[in-house]
mmCIF file of all heavy atoms, coordinates in Angstrom:
data_MODEL
# 
_entry.id   MODEL 
# 
loop_
_atom_site.group_PDB 
_atom_site.id 
_atom_site.type_symbol 
_atom_site.label_atom_id 
_atom_site.label_alt_id 
_atom_site.label_comp_id 
_atom_site.label_asym_id 
_atom_site.label_entity_id 
_atom_site.label_seq_id 
_atom_site.pdbx_PDB_ins_code 
_atom_site.Cartn_x 
_atom_site.Cartn_y 
_atom_site.Cartn_z 
_atom_site.occupancy 
_atom_site.B_iso_or_equiv 
_atom_site.pdbx_formal_charge 
_atom_site.auth_seq_id 
_atom_site.auth_comp_id 
_atom_site.auth_asym_id 
_atom_site.auth_atom_id 
_atom_site.pdbx_PDB_model_num 
ATOM 1   N N   . HIS A 1 1  ? 42.772 -105.746 118.563 1.00 0.00 ? 1  HIS A N   1 
ATOM 2   C CA  . HIS A 1 1  ? 42.839 -107.183 118.264 1.00 0.00 ? 1  HIS A CA  1 
ATOM 3   C C   . HIS A 1 1  ? 43.049 -107.437 116.765 1.00 0.00 ? 1  HIS A C   1 
ATOM 4   O O   . HIS A 1 1  ? 43.040 -108.594 116.340 1.00 0.00 ? 1  HIS A O   1 
ATOM 5   C CB  . HIS A 1 1  ? 41.552 -107.886 118.710 1.00 0.00 ? 1  HIS A CB  1 
ATOM 6   C CG  . HIS A 1 1  ? 41.470 -108.096 120.189 1.00 0.00 ? 1  HIS A CG  1 
ATOM 7   N ND1 . HIS A 1 1  ? 41.564 -107.072 121.091 1.00 0.00 ? 1  HIS A ND1 1 
ATOM 8   C CD2 . HIS A 1 1  ? 41.295 -109.233 120.922 1.00 0.00 ? 1  HIS A CD2 1 
ATOM 9   C CE1 . HIS A 1 1  ? 41.444 -107.544 122.326 1.00 0.00 ? 1  HIS A CE1 1 
ATOM 10  N NE2 . HIS A 1 1  ? 41.286 -108.859 122.255 1.00 0.00 ? 1  HIS A NE2 1 
ATOM 11  N N   . ILE A 1 2  ? 43.237 -106.372 115.983 1.00 0.00 ? 2  ILE A N   1 
ATOM 12  C CA  . ILE A 1 2  ? 43.451 -106.509 114.543 1.00 0.00 ? 2  ILE A CA  1 
ATOM 13  C C   . ILE A 1 2  ? 44.836 -105.955 114.224 1.00 0.00 ? 2  ILE A C   1 
ATOM 14  O O   . ILE A 1 2  ? 45.155 -104.804 114.560 1.00 0.00 ? 2  ILE A O   1 
ATOM 15  C CB  . ILE A 1 2  ? 42.370 -105.751 113.750 1.00 0.00 ? 2  ILE A CB  1 
ATOM 16  C CG1 . ILE A 1 2  ? 40.976 -106.264 114.108 1.00 0.00 ? 2  ILE A CG1 1 
ATOM 17  C CG2 . ILE A 1 2  ? 42.605 -105.912 112.246 1.00 0.00 ? 2  ILE A CG2 1 
ATOM 18  C CD1 . ILE A 1 2  ? 39.842 -105.518 113.430 1.00 0.00 ? 2  ILE A CD1 1 
ATOM 19  N N   . PHE A 1 3  ? 45.665 -106.758 113.578 1.00 0.00 ? 3  PHE A N   1 
ATOM 20  C CA  . PHE A 1 3  ? 47.050 -106.403 113.297 1.00 0.00 ? 3  PHE A CA  1 
ATOM 21  C C   . PHE A 1 3  ? 47.303 -106.461 111.794 1.00 0.00 ? 3  PHE A C   1 
ATOM 22  O O   . PHE A 1 3  ? 46.669 -107.236 111.065 1.00 0.00 ? 3  PHE A O   1 
ATOM 23  C CB  . PHE A 1 3  ? 48.011 -107.346 114.021 1.00 0.00 ? 3  PHE A CB  1 
ATOM 24  C CG  . PHE A 1 3  ? 47.822 -107.371 115.510 1.00 0.00 ? 3  PHE A CG  1 
ATOM 25  C CD1 . PHE A 1 3  ? 46.931 -108.274 116.102 1.00 0.00 ? 3  PHE A CD1 1 
ATOM 26  C CD2 . PHE A 1 3  ? 48.513 -106.491 116.327 1.00 0.00 ? 3  PHE A CD2 1 
ATOM 27  C CE1 . PHE A 1 3  ? 46.752 -108.299 117.471 1.00 0.00 ? 3  PHE A CE1 1 
ATOM 28  C CE2 . PHE A 1 3  ? 48.333 -106.515 117.718 1.00 0.00 ? 3  PHE A CE2 1 
ATOM 29  C CZ  . PHE A 1 3  ? 47.445 -107.418 118.280 1.00 0.00 ? 3  PHE A CZ  1 
ATOM 30  N N   . SER A 1 4  ? 48.267 -105.658 111.373 1.00 0.00 ? 4  SER A N   1 
ATOM 31  C CA  . SER A 1 4  ? 48.561 -105.585 109.940 1.00 0.00 ? 4  SER A CA  1 
ATOM 32  C C   . SER A 1 4  ? 49.374 -106.782 109.468 1.00 0.00 ? 4  SER A C   1 
ATOM 33  O O   . SER A 1 4  ? 49.193 -107.257 108.336 1.00 0.00 ? 4  SER A O   1 
ATOM 34  C CB  . SER A 1 4  ? 49.320 -104.293 109.625 1.00 0.00 ? 4  SER A CB  1 
ATOM 35  O OG  . SER A 1 4  ? 50.526 -104.232 110.391 1.00 0.00 ? 4  SER A OG  1 
ATOM 36  N N   . ARG A 1 5  ? 50.283 -107.284 110.342 1.00 0.00 ? 5  ARG A N   1 
ATOM 37  C CA  . ARG A 1 5  ? 51.158 -108.393 109.945 1.00 0.00 ? 5  ARG A CA  1 
ATOM 38  C C   . ARG A 1 5  ? 51.221 -109.428 111.053 1.00 0.00 ? 5  ARG A C   1 
ATOM 39  O O   . ARG A 1 5  ? 50.920 -109.146 112.222 1.00 0.00 ? 5  ARG A O   1 
ATOM 40  C CB  . ARG A 1 5  ? 52.571 -107.874 109.645 1.00 0.00 ? 5  ARG A CB  1 
ATOM 41  C CG  . ARG A 1 5  ? 52.625 -106.846 108.532 1.00 0.00 ? 5  ARG A CG  1 
ATOM 42  C CD  . ARG A 1 5  ? 54.019 -106.236 108.449 1.00 0.00 ? 5  ARG A CD  1 
ATOM 43  N NE  . ARG A 1 5  ? 55.044 -107.252 108.260 1.00 0.00 ? 5  ARG A NE  1 
ATOM 44  C CZ  . ARG A 1 5  ? 56.355 -107.045 108.409 1.00 0.00 ? 5  ARG A CZ  1 
ATOM 45  N NH1 . ARG A 1 5  ? 56.782 -105.836 108.766 1.00 0.00 ? 5  ARG A NH1 1 
ATOM 46  N NH2 . ARG A 1 5  ? 57.216 -108.008 108.207 1.00 0.00 ? 5  ARG A NH2 1 
ATOM 47  N N   . LYS A 1 6  ? 51.659 -110.636 110.698 1.00 0.00 ? 6  LYS A N   1 
ATOM 48  C CA  . LYS A 1 6  ? 51.759 -111.712 111.701 1.00 0.00 ? 6  LYS A CA  1 
ATOM 49  C C   . LYS A 1 6  ? 52.770 -111.359 112.781 1.00 0.00 ? 6  LYS A C   1 
ATOM 50  O O   . LYS A 1 6  ? 52.562 -111.650 113.955 1.00 0.00 ? 6  LYS A O   1 
ATOM 51  C CB  . LYS A 1 6  ? 52.160 -113.027 111.005 1.00 0.00 ? 6  LYS A CB  1 
ATOM 52  C CG  . LYS A 1 6  ? 51.051 -113.660 110.170 1.00 0.00 ? 6  LYS A CG  1 
ATOM 53  C CD  . LYS A 1 6  ? 51.425 -115.029 109.665 1.00 0.00 ? 6  LYS A CD  1 
ATOM 54  C CE  . LYS A 1 6  ? 52.441 -114.976 108.560 1.00 0.00 ? 6  LYS A CE  1 
ATOM 55  N NZ  . LYS A 1 6  ? 51.913 -114.407 107.304 1.00 0.00 ? 6  LYS A NZ  1 
ATOM 56  N N   . GLU A 1 7  ? 53.902 -110.744 112.363 1.00 0.00 ? 7  GLU A N   1 
ATOM 57  C CA  . GLU A 1 7  ? 54.928 -110.409 113.355 1.00 0.00 ? 7  GLU A CA  1 
ATOM 58  C C   . GLU A 1 7  ? 54.389 -109.429 114.397 1.00 0.00 ? 7  GLU A C   1 
ATOM 59  O O   . GLU A 1 7  ? 54.643 -109.568 115.610 1.00 0.00 ? 7  GLU A O   1 
ATOM 60  C CB  . GLU A 1 7  ? 56.160 -109.813 112.651 1.00 0.00 ? 7  GLU A CB  1 
ATOM 61  C CG  . GLU A 1 7  ? 56.911 -110.783 111.755 1.00 0.00 ? 7  GLU A CG  1 
ATOM 62  C CD  . GLU A 1 7  ? 56.219 -111.010 110.425 1.00 0.00 ? 7  GLU A CD  1 
ATOM 63  O OE1 . GLU A 1 7  ? 55.214 -110.305 110.153 1.00 0.00 ? 7  GLU A OE1 1 
ATOM 64  O OE2 . GLU A 1 7  ? 56.658 -111.895 109.662 1.00 0.00 ? 7  GLU A OE2 1 
ATOM 65  N N   . ASN A 1 8  ? 53.649 -108.423 113.936 1.00 0.00 ? 8  ASN A N   1 
ATOM 66  C CA  . ASN A 1 8  ? 53.057 -107.462 114.866 1.00 0.00 ? 8  ASN A CA  1 
ATOM 67  C C   . ASN A 1 8  ? 52.025 -108.142 115.763 1.00 0.00 ? 8  ASN A C   1 
ATOM 68  O O   . ASN A 1 8  ? 51.896 -107.825 116.951 1.00 0.00 ? 8  ASN A O   1 
ATOM 69  C CB  . ASN A 1 8  ? 52.392 -106.322 114.100 1.00 0.00 ? 8  ASN A CB  1 
ATOM 70  C CG  . ASN A 1 8  ? 53.392 -105.531 113.272 1.00 0.00 ? 8  ASN A CG  1 
ATOM 71  O OD1 . ASN A 1 8  ? 54.582 -105.537 113.575 1.00 0.00 ? 8  ASN A OD1 1 
ATOM 72  N ND2 . ASN A 1 8  ? 52.912 -104.849 112.255 1.00 0.00 ? 8  ASN A ND2 1 
ATOM 73  N N   . ALA A 1 9  ? 51.283 -109.086 115.189 1.00 0.00 ? 9  ALA A N   1 
ATOM 74  C CA  . ALA A 1 9  ? 50.270 -109.795 115.968 1.00 0.00 ? 9  ALA A CA  1 
ATOM 75  C C   . ALA A 1 9  ? 50.919 -110.617 117.081 1.00 0.00 ? 9  ALA A C   1 
ATOM 76  O O   . ALA A 1 9  ? 50.456 -110.602 118.239 1.00 0.00 ? 9  ALA A O   1 
ATOM 77  C CB  . ALA A 1 9  ? 49.445 -110.697 115.047 1.00 0.00 ? 9  ALA A CB  1 
ATOM 78  N N   . ILE A 1 10 ? 51.985 -111.340 116.757 1.00 0.00 ? 10 ILE A N   1 
ATOM 79  C CA  . ILE A 1 10 ? 52.665 -112.167 117.768 1.00 0.00 ? 10 ILE A CA  1 
ATOM 80  C C   . ILE A 1 10 ? 53.198 -111.286 118.898 1.00 0.00 ? 10 ILE A C   1 
ATOM 81  O O   . ILE A 1 10 ? 53.042 -111.593 120.093 1.00 0.00 ? 10 ILE A O   1 
ATOM 82  C CB  . ILE A 1 10 ? 53.814 -112.967 117.133 1.00 0.00 ? 10 ILE A CB  1 
ATOM 83  C CG1 . ILE A 1 10 ? 53.274 -113.935 116.081 1.00 0.00 ? 10 ILE A CG1 1 
ATOM 84  C CG2 . ILE A 1 10 ? 54.596 -113.718 118.198 1.00 0.00 ? 10 ILE A CG2 1 
ATOM 85  C CD1 . ILE A 1 10 ? 52.305 -114.950 116.599 1.00 0.00 ? 10 ILE A CD1 1 
ATOM 86  N N   . ALA A 1 11 ? 53.809 -110.155 118.527 1.00 0.00 ? 11 ALA A N   1 
ATOM 87  C CA  . ALA A 1 11 ? 54.360 -109.257 119.545 1.00 0.00 ? 11 ALA A CA  1 
ATOM 88  C C   . ALA A 1 11 ? 53.253 -108.702 120.436 1.00 0.00 ? 11 ALA A C   1 
ATOM 89  O O   . ALA A 1 11 ? 53.410 -108.596 121.668 1.00 0.00 ? 11 ALA A O   1 
ATOM 90  C CB  . ALA A 1 11 ? 55.125 -108.119 118.876 1.00 0.00 ? 11 ALA A CB  1 
ATOM 91  N N   . GLY A 1 12 ? 52.106 -108.350 119.842 1.00 0.00 ? 12 GLY A N   1 
ATOM 92  C CA  . GLY A 1 12 ? 51.011 -107.794 120.632 1.00 0.00 ? 12 GLY A CA  1 
ATOM 93  C C   . GLY A 1 12 ? 50.322 -108.837 121.483 1.00 0.00 ? 12 GLY A C   1 
ATOM 94  O O   . GLY A 1 12 ? 49.963 -108.580 122.648 1.00 0.00 ? 12 GLY A O   1 
ATOM 95  N N   . ILE A 1 13 ? 50.110 -110.032 120.954 1.00 0.00 ? 13 ILE A N   1 
ATOM 96  C CA  . ILE A 1 13 ? 49.407 -111.087 121.700 1.00 0.00 ? 13 ILE A CA  1 
ATOM 97  C C   . ILE A 1 13 ? 50.293 -111.643 122.805 1.00 0.00 ? 13 ILE A C   1 
ATOM 98  O O   . ILE A 1 13 ? 49.800 -112.031 123.880 1.00 0.00 ? 13 ILE A O   1 
ATOM 99  C CB  . ILE A 1 13 ? 48.970 -112.215 120.730 1.00 0.00 ? 13 ILE A CB  1 
ATOM 100 C CG1 . ILE A 1 13 ? 48.015 -111.670 119.674 1.00 0.00 ? 13 ILE A CG1 1 
ATOM 101 C CG2 . ILE A 1 13 ? 48.313 -113.356 121.480 1.00 0.00 ? 13 ILE A CG2 1 
ATOM 102 C CD1 . ILE A 1 13 ? 47.699 -112.650 118.564 1.00 0.00 ? 13 ILE A CD1 1 
ATOM 103 N N   . PHE A 1 14 ? 51.625 -111.684 122.560 1.00 0.00 ? 14 PHE A N   1 
ATOM 104 C CA  . PHE A 1 14 ? 52.538 -112.278 123.537 1.00 0.00 ? 14 PHE A CA  1 
ATOM 105 C C   . PHE A 1 14 ? 52.416 -111.590 124.897 1.00 0.00 ? 14 PHE A C   1 
ATOM 106 O O   . PHE A 1 14 ? 52.512 -112.246 125.945 1.00 0.00 ? 14 PHE A O   1 
ATOM 107 C CB  . PHE A 1 14 ? 53.976 -112.177 123.011 1.00 0.00 ? 14 PHE A CB  1 
ATOM 108 C CG  . PHE A 1 14 ? 54.970 -112.866 123.889 1.00 0.00 ? 14 PHE A CG  1 
ATOM 109 C CD1 . PHE A 1 14 ? 55.130 -114.247 123.841 1.00 0.00 ? 14 PHE A CD1 1 
ATOM 110 C CD2 . PHE A 1 14 ? 55.741 -112.132 124.787 1.00 0.00 ? 14 PHE A CD2 1 
ATOM 111 C CE1 . PHE A 1 14 ? 56.051 -114.871 124.672 1.00 0.00 ? 14 PHE A CE1 1 
ATOM 112 C CE2 . PHE A 1 14 ? 56.655 -112.748 125.615 1.00 0.00 ? 14 PHE A CE2 1 
ATOM 113 C CZ  . PHE A 1 14 ? 56.808 -114.131 125.556 1.00 0.00 ? 14 PHE A CZ  1 
ATOM 114 N N   . GLU A 1 15 ? 52.177 -110.281 124.900 1.00 0.00 ? 15 GLU A N   1 
ATOM 115 C CA  . GLU A 1 15 ? 52.069 -109.551 126.152 1.00 0.00 ? 15 GLU A CA  1 
ATOM 116 C C   . GLU A 1 15 ? 50.814 -109.945 126.930 1.00 0.00 ? 15 GLU A C   1 
ATOM 117 O O   . GLU A 1 15 ? 50.711 -109.666 128.122 1.00 0.00 ? 15 GLU A O   1 
ATOM 118 C CB  . GLU A 1 15 ? 52.064 -108.044 125.878 1.00 0.00 ? 15 GLU A CB  1 
ATOM 119 C CG  . GLU A 1 15 ? 53.318 -107.544 125.164 1.00 0.00 ? 15 GLU A CG  1 
ATOM 120 C CD  . GLU A 1 15 ? 54.570 -107.797 125.995 1.00 0.00 ? 15 GLU A CD  1 
ATOM 121 O OE1 . GLU A 1 15 ? 54.477 -107.755 127.247 1.00 0.00 ? 15 GLU A OE1 1 
ATOM 122 O OE2 . GLU A 1 15 ? 55.637 -108.048 125.398 1.00 0.00 ? 15 GLU A OE2 1 
ATOM 123 N N   . ARG A 1 16 ? 49.854 -110.592 126.284 1.00 0.00 ? 16 ARG A N   1 
ATOM 124 C CA  . ARG A 1 16 ? 48.589 -110.955 126.926 1.00 0.00 ? 16 ARG A CA  1 
ATOM 125 C C   . ARG A 1 16 ? 48.565 -112.418 127.373 1.00 0.00 ? 16 ARG A C   1 
ATOM 126 O O   . ARG A 1 16 ? 47.589 -112.865 127.975 1.00 0.00 ? 16 ARG A O   1 
ATOM 127 C CB  . ARG A 1 16 ? 47.419 -110.693 125.978 1.00 0.00 ? 16 ARG A CB  1 
ATOM 128 C CG  . ARG A 1 16 ? 47.467 -109.299 125.382 1.00 0.00 ? 16 ARG A CG  1 
ATOM 129 C CD  . ARG A 1 16 ? 46.354 -109.055 124.385 1.00 0.00 ? 16 ARG A CD  1 
ATOM 130 N NE  . ARG A 1 16 ? 46.615 -107.834 123.619 1.00 0.00 ? 16 ARG A NE  1 
ATOM 131 C CZ  . ARG A 1 16 ? 45.752 -107.249 122.803 1.00 0.00 ? 16 ARG A CZ  1 
ATOM 132 N NH1 . ARG A 1 16 ? 44.566 -107.775 122.635 1.00 0.00 ? 16 ARG A NH1 1 
ATOM 133 N NH2 . ARG A 1 16 ? 46.083 -106.144 122.147 1.00 0.00 ? 16 ARG A NH2 1 
ATOM 134 N N   . LEU A 1 17 ? 49.639 -113.165 127.083 1.00 0.00 ? 17 LEU A N   1 
ATOM 135 C CA  . LEU A 1 17 ? 49.698 -114.564 127.500 1.00 0.00 ? 17 LEU A CA  1 
ATOM 136 C C   . LEU A 1 17 ? 50.069 -114.654 128.977 1.00 0.00 ? 17 LEU A C   1 
ATOM 137 O O   . LEU A 1 17 ? 50.634 -113.720 129.558 1.00 0.00 ? 17 LEU A O   1 
ATOM 138 C CB  . LEU A 1 17 ? 50.742 -115.305 126.655 1.00 0.00 ? 17 LEU A CB  1 
ATOM 139 C CG  . LEU A 1 17 ? 50.524 -115.289 125.139 1.00 0.00 ? 17 LEU A CG  1 
ATOM 140 C CD1 . LEU A 1 17 ? 51.636 -116.089 124.448 1.00 0.00 ? 17 LEU A CD1 1 
ATOM 141 C CD2 . LEU A 1 17 ? 49.162 -115.856 124.772 1.00 0.00 ? 17 LEU A CD2 1 
ATOM 142 N N   . GLU A 1 18 ? 49.739 -115.781 129.575 1.00 0.00 ? 18 GLU A N   1 
ATOM 143 C CA  . GLU A 1 18 ? 50.055 -116.006 130.998 1.00 0.00 ? 18 GLU A CA  1 
ATOM 144 C C   . GLU A 1 18 ? 51.562 -116.226 131.130 1.00 0.00 ? 18 GLU A C   1 
ATOM 145 O O   . GLU A 1 18 ? 52.100 -117.217 130.631 1.00 0.00 ? 18 GLU A O   1 
ATOM 146 C CB  . GLU A 1 18 ? 49.286 -117.209 131.532 1.00 0.00 ? 18 GLU A CB  1 
ATOM 147 C CG  . GLU A 1 18 ? 47.773 -116.998 131.536 1.00 0.00 ? 18 GLU A CG  1 
ATOM 148 C CD  . GLU A 1 18 ? 47.043 -118.157 132.186 1.00 0.00 ? 18 GLU A CD  1 
ATOM 149 O OE1 . GLU A 1 18 ? 47.639 -118.805 133.080 1.00 0.00 ? 18 GLU A OE1 1 
ATOM 150 O OE2 . GLU A 1 18 ? 45.892 -118.420 131.799 1.00 0.00 ? 18 GLU A OE2 1 
ATOM 151 N N   . ARG A 1 19 ? 52.210 -115.290 131.838 1.00 0.00 ? 19 ARG A N   1 
ATOM 152 C CA  . ARG A 1 19 ? 53.673 -115.329 131.951 1.00 0.00 ? 19 ARG A CA  1 
ATOM 153 C C   . ARG A 1 19 ? 54.162 -116.572 132.687 1.00 0.00 ? 19 ARG A C   1 
ATOM 154 O O   . ARG A 1 19 ? 55.224 -117.123 132.354 1.00 0.00 ? 19 ARG A O   1 
ATOM 155 C CB  . ARG A 1 19 ? 54.160 -114.059 132.661 1.00 0.00 ? 19 ARG A CB  1 
ATOM 156 C CG  . ARG A 1 19 ? 55.682 -113.904 132.672 1.00 0.00 ? 19 ARG A CG  1 
ATOM 157 C CD  . ARG A 1 19 ? 56.255 -113.977 131.253 1.00 0.00 ? 19 ARG A CD  1 
ATOM 158 N NE  . ARG A 1 19 ? 55.636 -113.045 130.347 1.00 0.00 ? 19 ARG A NE  1 
ATOM 159 C CZ  . ARG A 1 19 ? 56.086 -111.807 130.136 1.00 0.00 ? 19 ARG A CZ  1 
ATOM 160 N NH1 . ARG A 1 19 ? 57.160 -111.384 130.766 1.00 0.00 ? 19 ARG A NH1 1 
ATOM 161 N NH2 . ARG A 1 19 ? 55.484 -111.008 129.281 1.00 0.00 ? 19 ARG A NH2 1 
ATOM 162 N N   . GLU A 1 20 ? 53.414 -117.032 133.655 1.00 0.00 ? 20 GLU A N   1 
ATOM 163 C CA  . GLU A 1 20 ? 53.855 -118.206 134.407 1.00 0.00 ? 20 GLU A CA  1 
ATOM 164 C C   . GLU A 1 20 ? 53.971 -119.432 133.495 1.00 0.00 ? 20 GLU A C   1 
ATOM 165 O O   . GLU A 1 20 ? 54.907 -120.231 133.627 1.00 0.00 ? 20 GLU A O   1 
ATOM 166 C CB  . GLU A 1 20 ? 52.870 -118.489 135.545 1.00 0.00 ? 20 GLU A CB  1 
ATOM 167 C CG  . GLU A 1 20 ? 53.300 -119.636 136.456 1.00 0.00 ? 20 GLU A CG  1 
ATOM 168 C CD  . GLU A 1 20 ? 52.337 -119.823 137.605 1.00 0.00 ? 20 GLU A CD  1 
ATOM 169 O OE1 . GLU A 1 20 ? 51.463 -118.961 137.807 1.00 0.00 ? 20 GLU A OE1 1 
ATOM 170 O OE2 . GLU A 1 20 ? 52.469 -120.854 138.299 1.00 0.00 ? 20 GLU A OE2 1 
ATOM 171 N N   . ILE A 1 21 ? 53.026 -119.570 132.572 1.00 0.00 ? 21 ILE A N   1 
ATOM 172 C CA  . ILE A 1 21 ? 53.096 -120.699 131.633 1.00 0.00 ? 21 ILE A CA  1 
ATOM 173 C C   . ILE A 1 21 ? 54.267 -120.510 130.695 1.00 0.00 ? 21 ILE A C   1 
ATOM 174 O O   . ILE A 1 21 ? 54.976 -121.475 130.359 1.00 0.00 ? 21 ILE A O   1 
ATOM 175 C CB  . ILE A 1 21 ? 51.772 -120.810 130.844 1.00 0.00 ? 21 ILE A CB  1 
ATOM 176 C CG1 . ILE A 1 21 ? 50.614 -121.136 131.784 1.00 0.00 ? 21 ILE A CG1 1 
ATOM 177 C CG2 . ILE A 1 21 ? 51.878 -121.859 129.752 1.00 0.00 ? 21 ILE A CG2 1 
ATOM 178 C CD1 . ILE A 1 21 ? 49.268 -121.230 131.104 1.00 0.00 ? 21 ILE A CD1 1 
ATOM 179 N N   . CYS A 1 22 ? 54.503 -119.275 130.274 1.00 0.00 ? 22 CYS A N   1 
ATOM 180 C CA  . CYS A 1 22 ? 55.627 -119.013 129.379 1.00 0.00 ? 22 CYS A CA  1 
ATOM 181 C C   . CYS A 1 22 ? 56.959 -119.362 130.036 1.00 0.00 ? 22 CYS A C   1 
ATOM 182 O O   . CYS A 1 22 ? 57.879 -119.859 129.381 1.00 0.00 ? 22 CYS A O   1 
ATOM 183 C CB  . CYS A 1 22 ? 55.629 -117.540 128.950 1.00 0.00 ? 22 CYS A CB  1 
ATOM 184 S SG  . CYS A 1 22 ? 54.244 -117.085 127.894 1.00 0.00 ? 22 CYS A SG  1 
ATOM 185 N N   . GLU A 1 23 ? 57.083 -119.084 131.360 1.00 0.00 ? 23 GLU A N   1 
ATOM 186 C CA  . GLU A 1 23 ? 58.339 -119.349 132.053 1.00 0.00 ? 23 GLU A CA  1 
ATOM 187 C C   . GLU A 1 23 ? 58.621 -120.839 132.139 1.00 0.00 ? 23 GLU A C   1 
ATOM 188 O O   . GLU A 1 23 ? 59.791 -121.259 132.134 1.00 0.00 ? 23 GLU A O   1 
ATOM 189 C CB  . GLU A 1 23 ? 58.313 -118.733 133.454 1.00 0.00 ? 23 GLU A CB  1 
ATOM 190 C CG  . GLU A 1 23 ? 58.308 -117.199 133.444 1.00 0.00 ? 23 GLU A CG  1 
ATOM 191 C CD  . GLU A 1 23 ? 58.138 -116.623 134.830 1.00 0.00 ? 23 GLU A CD  1 
ATOM 192 O OE1 . GLU A 1 23 ? 57.853 -117.418 135.767 1.00 0.00 ? 23 GLU A OE1 1 
ATOM 193 O OE2 . GLU A 1 23 ? 58.271 -115.389 134.994 1.00 0.00 ? 23 GLU A OE2 1 
ATOM 194 N N   . ARG A 1 24 ? 57.577 -121.658 132.249 1.00 0.00 ? 24 ARG A N   1 
ATOM 195 C CA  . ARG A 1 24 ? 57.769 -123.108 132.353 1.00 0.00 ? 24 ARG A CA  1 
ATOM 196 C C   . ARG A 1 24 ? 57.808 -123.795 130.981 1.00 0.00 ? 24 ARG A C   1 
ATOM 197 O O   . ARG A 1 24 ? 58.132 -124.969 130.891 1.00 0.00 ? 24 ARG A O   1 
ATOM 198 C CB  . ARG A 1 24 ? 56.641 -123.715 133.186 1.00 0.00 ? 24 ARG A CB  1 
ATOM 199 C CG  . ARG A 1 24 ? 56.632 -123.286 134.646 1.00 0.00 ? 24 ARG A CG  1 
ATOM 200 C CD  . ARG A 1 24 ? 55.622 -124.118 135.424 1.00 0.00 ? 24 ARG A CD  1 
ATOM 201 N NE  . ARG A 1 24 ? 55.643 -123.815 136.853 1.00 0.00 ? 24 ARG A NE  1 
ATOM 202 C CZ  . ARG A 1 24 ? 54.845 -122.919 137.420 1.00 0.00 ? 24 ARG A CZ  1 
ATOM 203 N NH1 . ARG A 1 24 ? 53.958 -122.254 136.687 1.00 0.00 ? 24 ARG A NH1 1 
ATOM 204 N NH2 . ARG A 1 24 ? 54.927 -122.697 138.714 1.00 0.00 ? 24 ARG A NH2 1 
ATOM 205 N N   . CYS A 1 25 ? 57.463 -123.063 129.912 1.00 0.00 ? 25 CYS A N   1 
ATOM 206 C CA  . CYS A 1 25 ? 57.359 -123.646 128.556 1.00 0.00 ? 25 CYS A CA  1 
ATOM 207 C C   . CYS A 1 25 ? 58.747 -123.890 127.977 1.00 0.00 ? 25 CYS A C   1 
ATOM 208 O O   . CYS A 1 25 ? 59.656 -123.061 128.115 1.00 0.00 ? 25 CYS A O   1 
ATOM 209 C CB  . CYS A 1 25 ? 56.572 -122.701 127.657 1.00 0.00 ? 25 CYS A CB  1 
ATOM 210 S SG  . CYS A 1 25 ? 56.416 -123.283 125.961 1.00 0.00 ? 25 CYS A SG  1 
ATOM 211 N N   . THR A 1 26 ? 58.916 -125.036 127.316 1.00 0.00 ? 26 THR A N   1 
ATOM 212 C CA  . THR A 1 26 ? 60.196 -125.362 126.676 1.00 0.00 ? 26 THR A CA  1 
ATOM 213 C C   . THR A 1 26 ? 60.157 -125.168 125.163 1.00 0.00 ? 26 THR A C   1 
ATOM 214 O O   . THR A 1 26 ? 61.160 -125.387 124.488 1.00 0.00 ? 26 THR A O   1 
ATOM 215 C CB  . THR A 1 26 ? 60.568 -126.827 126.968 1.00 0.00 ? 26 THR A CB  1 
ATOM 216 O OG1 . THR A 1 26 ? 59.533 -127.689 126.464 1.00 0.00 ? 26 THR A OG1 1 
ATOM 217 C CG2 . THR A 1 26 ? 60.733 -127.038 128.467 1.00 0.00 ? 26 THR A CG2 1 
# 
C-alpha cells in the first residue's frame, strides 16, 4: 500500500477498484 511515485500508485490501486463501476464511469 506504499508506492514510490503517484504514477505507480495509480497503476497499483486501479487494479483494486470495482471494475463494474469503472466500465460505467465516463
